[in-house]
Amino acid sequence: MIELLWNEICQKKSFSLDDRYRSGKEQAFFAFMQTLSNGCVQIAGREGVPYNEIPASRWLEQAAMYLVGALGDSSAVSPEMRTLADEAKCKHEKEEWSRSANGASKNRIFARTESGYYVLGPAVMGKGDVVCVLFGGKLPFCLRPVGNRYLLVGECYTHGLMEGEALDMMERGELSEKEFEIV
């Protein structure tokens, strides 16, 4: 299933650390696996460690360990991904990514927006829905156009919009404010 999502929705052929996510700053694999696991927040919560104190490299190692375990000797997994998983095992890391992803993805679907964002949203999310950041909201939301109004479909994890990036983009003139009438 994970390979199907990567190939069909992300439009990537193999799991590599070289592919870049939309802005080019992050690895596409990291963004993909973070989206599927809701940012691995469950792992941080179970450990009682503030999320922002855990380095992103830990989440990348967790994802690589899962991937190598799930796909085995598949040629779709790059050598550097295998090395990353081996390094994590040498640190005696326990693979927890799958538990986090299972919890995060219940009744959710993975999608990619027209602008390339990876989204984990409500199972009823569909083509034509809009992902937006609402002022005062803690997460992005999925809205469905209904005439001139919008139906609130639900909240969604949208990689690249989870830490205030939308406000930064507005300040740079990359996004503009829009008013939604929600029904």
Protein backbone atom coordinates (compact mmCIF):
# COMPACT_ATOMS: atom_id res chain seq x y z
CA MET A 1 0.00 0.00 0.00
CA ILE A 2 2.74 2.47 0.90
CA GLU A 3 4.46 1.87 -2.43
CA LEU A 4 1.17 2.42 -4.28
CA LEU A 5 0.62 5.79 -2.55
CA TRP A 6 4.20 6.82 -3.31
CA ASN A 7 3.93 5.84 -6.97
CA GLU A 8 0.36 6.90 -7.78
CA ILE A 9 -0.27 9.96 -5.61
CA CYS A 10 3.23 11.35 -5.04
CA GLN A 11 4.24 10.32 -8.57
CA LYS A 12 7.62 8.98 -7.43
CA LYS A 13 9.22 5.78 -8.70
CA SER A 14 11.57 4.72 -5.94
CA PHE A 15 12.14 5.57 -2.29
CA SER A 16 15.18 7.82 -2.26
CA LEU A 17 16.48 10.67 -0.14
CA ASP A 18 17.23 12.65 -3.32
CA ASP A 19 13.66 13.55 -4.36
CA ARG A 20 12.56 16.95 -3.06
CA TYR A 21 9.22 18.08 -1.65
CA ARG A 22 7.40 21.02 -3.23
CA SER A 23 9.70 23.90 -2.21
CA GLY A 24 12.86 21.87 -2.72
CA LYS A 25 14.05 22.38 0.87
CA GLU A 26 12.85 19.05 2.25
CA GLN A 27 13.10 15.46 1.14
CA ALA A 28 9.89 14.19 -0.45
CA PHE A 29 10.23 10.89 1.44
CA PHE A 30 10.39 12.73 4.77
CA ALA A 31 7.31 14.83 3.92
CA PHE A 32 5.42 11.72 2.77
CA MET A 33 6.16 9.67 5.86
CA GLN A 34 5.51 12.59 8.22
CA THR A 35 2.14 13.14 6.57
CA LEU A 36 1.12 9.50 6.88
CA SER A 37 2.05 9.49 10.58
CA ASN A 38 0.59 12.90 11.45
CA GLY A 39 4.09 14.18 12.12
CA CYS A 40 4.85 11.31 14.55
CA VAL A 41 3.27 13.36 17.37
CA GLN A 42 2.00 10.16 19.02
CA ILE A 43 5.58 8.95 19.52
CA ALA A 44 6.62 12.21 21.16
CA GLY A 45 3.49 12.12 23.33
CA ARG A 46 4.13 8.56 24.50
CA GLU A 47 7.69 9.49 25.40
CA GLY A 48 6.63 12.67 27.22
CA VAL A 49 9.10 14.77 25.23
CA PRO A 50 8.12 18.13 23.70
CA TYR A 51 7.75 17.55 19.97
CA ASN A 52 10.00 20.44 18.94
CA GLU A 53 12.87 19.00 21.01
CA ILE A 54 13.07 15.85 18.88
CA PRO A 55 15.30 16.24 15.81
CA ALA A 56 13.76 15.59 12.39
CA SER A 57 16.51 13.03 11.79
CA ARG A 58 14.83 10.77 14.35
CA TRP A 59 11.58 10.77 12.37
CA LEU A 60 13.49 10.12 9.15
CA GLU A 61 15.24 7.13 10.75
CA GLN A 62 11.92 5.79 12.05
CA ALA A 63 10.39 6.03 8.58
CA ALA A 64 13.39 4.37 6.92
CA MET A 65 13.30 1.48 9.41
CA TYR A 66 9.62 0.92 8.68
CA LEU A 67 10.08 1.12 4.92
CA VAL A 68 12.99 -1.32 4.80
CA GLY A 69 11.10 -3.71 7.08
CA ALA A 70 7.93 -3.48 4.99
CA LEU A 71 9.47 -3.68 1.52
CA GLY A 72 12.43 -5.93 2.30
CA ASP A 73 14.79 -6.36 -0.63
CA SER A 74 12.62 -4.41 -3.07
CA SER A 75 14.59 -2.51 -5.68
CA ALA A 76 12.27 0.45 -4.98
CA VAL A 77 14.27 1.17 -1.80
CA SER A 78 17.51 3.07 -2.43
CA PRO A 79 20.82 2.01 -0.86
CA GLU A 80 21.00 5.23 1.20
CA MET A 81 17.57 4.45 2.67
CA ARG A 82 18.82 1.01 3.71
CA THR A 83 21.92 2.58 5.26
CA LEU A 84 19.78 5.03 7.22
CA ALA A 85 17.63 2.17 8.56
CA ASP A 86 20.74 0.18 9.51
CA GLU A 87 22.21 3.17 11.35
CA ALA A 88 18.98 3.55 13.34
CA LYS A 89 19.06 -0.14 14.29
CA CYS A 90 22.67 0.26 15.47
CA LYS A 91 21.44 2.99 17.84
CA HIS A 92 18.97 0.39 19.19
CA GLU A 93 16.05 2.41 17.89
CA LYS A 94 12.74 0.60 18.03
CA GLU A 95 10.55 1.01 14.95
CA GLU A 96 7.51 2.99 16.13
CA TRP A 97 6.52 4.70 12.90
CA SER A 98 3.94 2.06 11.94
CA ARG A 99 2.05 2.44 15.22
CA SER A 100 1.97 6.20 14.79
CA ALA A 101 0.79 5.92 11.18
CA ASN A 102 -1.89 3.35 12.03
CA GLY A 103 -3.36 5.64 14.66
CA ALA A 104 -3.13 8.75 12.49
CA SER A 105 -4.61 7.21 9.36
CA LYS A 106 -7.74 5.62 10.80
CA ASN A 107 -10.72 6.96 8.80
CA ARG A 108 -8.33 9.21 6.85
CA ILE A 109 -7.01 9.28 3.30
CA PHE A 110 -3.74 10.46 1.81
CA ALA A 111 -3.87 12.99 -1.02
CA ARG A 112 -1.77 15.55 -2.84
CA THR A 113 -3.07 19.03 -3.58
CA GLU A 114 -2.75 20.70 -6.98
CA SER A 115 0.11 22.77 -5.56
CA GLY A 116 1.89 19.62 -4.36
CA TYR A 117 1.15 19.54 -0.63
CA TYR A 118 0.82 16.08 0.94
CA VAL A 119 -2.37 15.83 3.00
CA LEU A 120 -3.82 13.32 5.45
CA GLY A 121 -7.47 14.25 5.72
CA PRO A 122 -10.98 12.98 6.35
CA ALA A 123 -11.94 9.83 4.45
CA VAL A 124 -14.68 11.81 2.66
CA MET A 125 -12.18 14.34 1.27
CA GLY A 126 -12.35 14.45 -2.51
CA LYS A 127 -11.35 16.15 -5.74
CA GLY A 128 -12.34 19.81 -5.75
CA ASP A 129 -12.07 20.20 -1.98
CA VAL A 130 -9.95 23.07 -0.69
CA VAL A 131 -7.24 22.85 1.97
CA CYS A 132 -6.95 26.09 3.91
CA VAL A 133 -5.58 27.56 7.10
CA LEU A 134 -8.27 29.35 9.07
CA PHE A 135 -7.26 32.14 11.45
CA GLY A 136 -7.40 30.80 14.99
CA GLY A 137 -7.25 27.17 13.88
CA LYS A 138 -4.53 24.84 15.12
CA LEU A 139 -4.55 22.71 11.96
CA PRO A 140 -5.38 23.24 8.29
CA PHE A 141 -8.94 22.36 7.28
CA CYS A 142 -10.57 20.76 4.29
CA LEU A 143 -13.52 22.71 2.89
CA ARG A 144 -15.90 21.64 0.13
CA PRO A 145 -17.35 24.30 -2.20
CA VAL A 146 -21.16 24.30 -2.19
CA GLY A 147 -22.26 27.14 -4.44
CA ASN A 148 -20.81 30.35 -2.94
CA ARG A 149 -20.34 28.74 0.46
CA TYR A 150 -18.18 25.98 1.90
CA LEU A 151 -18.91 22.84 3.87
CA LEU A 152 -16.40 22.06 6.63
CA VAL A 153 -15.20 18.55 5.77
CA GLY A 154 -12.69 18.33 8.62
CA GLU A 155 -9.19 19.02 9.82
CA CYS A 156 -6.18 17.69 7.99
CA TYR A 157 -2.46 17.27 8.41
CA THR A 158 -0.88 19.20 5.54
CA HIS A 159 2.88 18.90 5.43
CA GLY A 160 4.40 22.35 5.08
CA LEU A 161 1.44 24.15 6.66
CA MET A 162 1.61 22.81 10.21
CA GLU A 163 3.93 25.33 11.85
CA GLY A 164 2.65 28.74 10.81
CA GLU A 165 4.08 28.63 7.30
CA ALA A 166 0.86 30.03 5.78
CA LEU A 167 1.21 33.28 7.74
CA ASP A 168 4.83 33.57 6.63
CA MET A 169 3.72 33.01 3.03
CA MET A 170 1.09 35.76 3.40
CA GLU A 171 3.75 38.18 4.65
CA ARG A 172 5.88 37.40 1.58
CA GLY A 173 2.89 37.93 -0.73
CA GLU A 174 2.72 34.26 -1.78
CA LEU A 175 -0.77 33.79 -0.32
CA SER A 176 -3.67 36.13 0.20
CA GLU A 177 -6.45 36.21 2.73
CA LYS A 178 -9.82 34.87 1.60
CA GLU A 179 -13.14 34.91 3.39
CA PHE A 180 -15.13 31.67 3.56
CA GLU A 181 -18.80 31.36 4.45
CA ILE A 182 -18.94 27.96 6.12
CA VAL A 183 -22.21 26.05 6.37
